[in-house]
Amino acid sequence: MKVLLRSKITCSECGHQKEEEMPTNACQFFYYCESCGMLLRPKAGDCCVFCSYGSVPCPPVQQGSCAC
């Protein structure tokens, strides 16, 4: 299975979307929206902001090896 490294993250506050490259060896816990300045954090049960707000889950989750 090919691991996707780019995900479109959507701000839950203002709806702004931006495609970002995800880290391959860690989960990203914080993301600042460049439009409204909102600090996004993972939703309960998710390991990172890409799993909560992205169009594609983070690489560790895609590989089934998330240890977050």
N, C-alpha and C. Protein backbone atom coordinates (compact mmCIF):
# COMPACT_ATOMS: atom_id res chain seq x y z
N MET A 1 0.83 -1.18 0.00
CA MET A 1 0.00 0.00 0.00
C MET A 1 0.88 1.25 0.00
N LYS A 2 0.60 2.17 -0.88
CA LYS A 2 1.35 3.41 -0.97
C LYS A 2 0.88 4.37 0.11
N VAL A 3 1.82 4.95 0.83
CA VAL A 3 1.51 5.91 1.88
C VAL A 3 1.43 7.30 1.25
N LEU A 4 0.32 7.97 1.48
CA LEU A 4 0.14 9.33 0.98
C LEU A 4 0.75 10.31 1.97
N LEU A 5 1.49 11.28 1.46
CA LEU A 5 2.20 12.21 2.32
C LEU A 5 1.60 13.60 2.37
N ARG A 6 0.57 13.84 1.58
CA ARG A 6 -0.07 15.16 1.56
C ARG A 6 -1.54 15.01 1.96
N SER A 7 -2.01 15.96 2.74
CA SER A 7 -3.38 15.94 3.21
C SER A 7 -3.91 17.37 3.22
N LYS A 8 -5.16 17.54 2.85
CA LYS A 8 -5.79 18.86 2.89
C LYS A 8 -6.43 19.01 4.26
N ILE A 9 -5.89 19.93 5.05
CA ILE A 9 -6.39 20.15 6.40
C ILE A 9 -7.42 21.28 6.36
N THR A 10 -8.53 21.09 7.06
CA THR A 10 -9.62 22.05 7.07
C THR A 10 -9.81 22.58 8.48
N CYS A 11 -9.74 23.90 8.63
CA CYS A 11 -9.93 24.53 9.94
C CYS A 11 -11.38 24.36 10.39
N SER A 12 -11.56 23.89 11.61
CA SER A 12 -12.91 23.69 12.14
C SER A 12 -13.58 25.01 12.52
N GLU A 13 -12.79 26.07 12.64
CA GLU A 13 -13.33 27.37 13.04
C GLU A 13 -13.83 28.17 11.83
N CYS A 14 -12.99 28.29 10.79
CA CYS A 14 -13.34 29.16 9.66
C CYS A 14 -13.53 28.42 8.34
N GLY A 15 -13.17 27.14 8.29
CA GLY A 15 -13.33 26.36 7.07
C GLY A 15 -12.20 26.50 6.07
N HIS A 16 -11.17 27.29 6.41
CA HIS A 16 -10.02 27.45 5.50
C HIS A 16 -9.35 26.10 5.27
N GLN A 17 -8.97 25.84 4.02
CA GLN A 17 -8.31 24.59 3.68
C GLN A 17 -6.93 24.86 3.10
N LYS A 18 -5.99 23.98 3.45
CA LYS A 18 -4.65 24.08 2.90
C LYS A 18 -4.05 22.69 2.82
N GLU A 19 -3.43 22.40 1.69
CA GLU A 19 -2.75 21.11 1.55
C GLU A 19 -1.38 21.21 2.21
N GLU A 20 -1.08 20.24 3.06
CA GLU A 20 0.17 20.23 3.81
C GLU A 20 0.85 18.88 3.67
N GLU A 21 2.17 18.88 3.78
CA GLU A 21 2.91 17.63 3.82
C GLU A 21 2.96 17.15 5.26
N MET A 22 2.69 15.88 5.45
CA MET A 22 2.64 15.31 6.80
C MET A 22 3.99 14.73 7.18
N PRO A 23 4.34 14.78 8.47
CA PRO A 23 5.56 14.12 8.91
C PRO A 23 5.41 12.62 8.75
N THR A 24 6.49 11.94 8.42
CA THR A 24 6.41 10.50 8.17
C THR A 24 6.70 9.65 9.39
N ASN A 25 7.34 10.24 10.40
CA ASN A 25 7.77 9.43 11.54
C ASN A 25 7.17 9.87 12.87
N ALA A 26 6.18 10.76 12.82
CA ALA A 26 5.58 11.26 14.05
C ALA A 26 4.19 11.81 13.77
N CYS A 27 3.44 11.99 14.82
CA CYS A 27 2.11 12.60 14.70
C CYS A 27 2.22 14.08 15.03
N GLN A 28 1.45 14.89 14.34
CA GLN A 28 1.47 16.34 14.57
C GLN A 28 0.29 16.70 15.47
N PHE A 29 0.60 17.23 16.65
CA PHE A 29 -0.44 17.49 17.64
C PHE A 29 -1.06 18.87 17.54
N PHE A 30 -0.37 19.83 16.90
CA PHE A 30 -0.88 21.19 16.81
C PHE A 30 -0.78 21.70 15.39
N TYR A 31 -1.72 22.56 15.01
CA TYR A 31 -1.70 23.18 13.69
C TYR A 31 -2.36 24.55 13.81
N TYR A 32 -1.65 25.59 13.39
CA TYR A 32 -2.22 26.93 13.39
C TYR A 32 -2.83 27.24 12.04
N CYS A 33 -4.09 27.64 12.02
CA CYS A 33 -4.75 28.05 10.79
C CYS A 33 -4.18 29.40 10.37
N GLU A 34 -3.69 29.48 9.14
CA GLU A 34 -3.11 30.74 8.67
C GLU A 34 -4.16 31.78 8.36
N SER A 35 -5.42 31.38 8.28
CA SER A 35 -6.49 32.33 7.98
C SER A 35 -7.03 33.02 9.23
N CYS A 36 -7.39 32.24 10.25
CA CYS A 36 -8.01 32.83 11.44
C CYS A 36 -7.15 32.74 12.69
N GLY A 37 -6.04 31.99 12.63
CA GLY A 37 -5.15 31.87 13.78
C GLY A 37 -5.56 30.83 14.80
N MET A 38 -6.60 30.07 14.53
CA MET A 38 -7.07 29.04 15.46
C MET A 38 -6.00 27.96 15.63
N LEU A 39 -5.78 27.52 16.86
CA LEU A 39 -4.88 26.42 17.14
C LEU A 39 -5.70 25.14 17.14
N LEU A 40 -5.47 24.30 16.15
CA LEU A 40 -6.19 23.02 16.06
C LEU A 40 -5.42 21.97 16.84
N ARG A 41 -6.16 21.16 17.57
CA ARG A 41 -5.61 20.03 18.32
C ARG A 41 -6.42 18.80 17.94
N PRO A 42 -5.87 17.62 18.08
CA PRO A 42 -6.61 16.41 17.72
C PRO A 42 -7.91 16.26 18.52
N LYS A 43 -8.92 15.74 17.86
CA LYS A 43 -10.17 15.41 18.55
C LYS A 43 -9.93 14.18 19.43
N ALA A 44 -10.77 14.00 20.42
CA ALA A 44 -10.65 12.85 21.32
C ALA A 44 -10.64 11.56 20.51
N GLY A 45 -9.67 10.70 20.76
CA GLY A 45 -9.56 9.42 20.08
C GLY A 45 -8.70 9.44 18.83
N ASP A 46 -8.33 10.64 18.36
CA ASP A 46 -7.45 10.76 17.18
C ASP A 46 -6.03 11.03 17.65
N CYS A 47 -5.06 10.57 16.87
CA CYS A 47 -3.66 10.73 17.28
C CYS A 47 -3.07 12.05 16.86
N CYS A 48 -3.64 12.71 15.84
CA CYS A 48 -3.03 13.96 15.37
C CYS A 48 -4.06 14.82 14.64
N VAL A 49 -3.64 16.03 14.28
CA VAL A 49 -4.55 16.96 13.60
C VAL A 49 -4.92 16.48 12.20
N PHE A 50 -4.05 15.72 11.54
CA PHE A 50 -4.38 15.22 10.21
C PHE A 50 -5.47 14.15 10.29
N CYS A 51 -5.45 13.34 11.34
CA CYS A 51 -6.51 12.34 11.51
C CYS A 51 -7.84 12.99 11.87
N SER A 52 -7.80 14.15 12.51
CA SER A 52 -9.03 14.85 12.90
C SER A 52 -9.55 15.79 11.81
N TYR A 53 -8.67 16.50 11.13
CA TYR A 53 -9.10 17.58 10.22
C TYR A 53 -8.60 17.43 8.80
N GLY A 54 -7.82 16.38 8.52
CA GLY A 54 -7.24 16.21 7.19
C GLY A 54 -8.07 15.33 6.28
N SER A 55 -7.78 15.42 5.00
CA SER A 55 -8.46 14.59 4.00
C SER A 55 -7.86 13.19 3.96
N VAL A 56 -6.66 13.04 4.53
CA VAL A 56 -5.95 11.76 4.58
C VAL A 56 -5.36 11.62 5.99
N PRO A 57 -5.50 10.44 6.62
CA PRO A 57 -4.89 10.26 7.95
C PRO A 57 -3.37 10.28 7.85
N CYS A 58 -2.70 10.48 8.98
CA CYS A 58 -1.24 10.57 9.02
C CYS A 58 -0.59 9.26 8.56
N PRO A 59 0.66 9.34 8.07
CA PRO A 59 1.36 8.14 7.60
C PRO A 59 1.44 7.00 8.62
N PRO A 60 1.72 7.25 9.92
CA PRO A 60 1.74 6.12 10.86
C PRO A 60 0.39 5.37 10.92
N VAL A 61 -0.72 6.11 10.86
CA VAL A 61 -2.04 5.46 10.87
C VAL A 61 -2.26 4.72 9.56
N GLN A 62 -1.86 5.29 8.43
CA GLN A 62 -1.99 4.62 7.14
C GLN A 62 -1.24 3.29 7.14
N GLN A 63 -0.10 3.26 7.83
CA GLN A 63 0.73 2.04 7.88
C GLN A 63 0.31 1.09 9.00
N GLY A 64 -0.63 1.52 9.83
CA GLY A 64 -1.09 0.69 10.93
C GLY A 64 -0.07 0.58 12.06
N SER A 65 0.79 1.59 12.17
CA SER A 65 1.84 1.53 13.18
C SER A 65 1.86 2.75 14.09
N CYS A 66 0.74 3.38 14.28
CA CYS A 66 0.69 4.58 15.10
C CYS A 66 0.83 4.19 16.57
N ALA A 67 1.84 4.78 17.22
CA ALA A 67 2.08 4.50 18.63
C ALA A 67 1.81 5.74 19.48
N CYS A 68 1.03 6.64 18.97
CA CYS A 68 0.76 7.90 19.70
C CYS A 68 -0.23 7.67 20.81
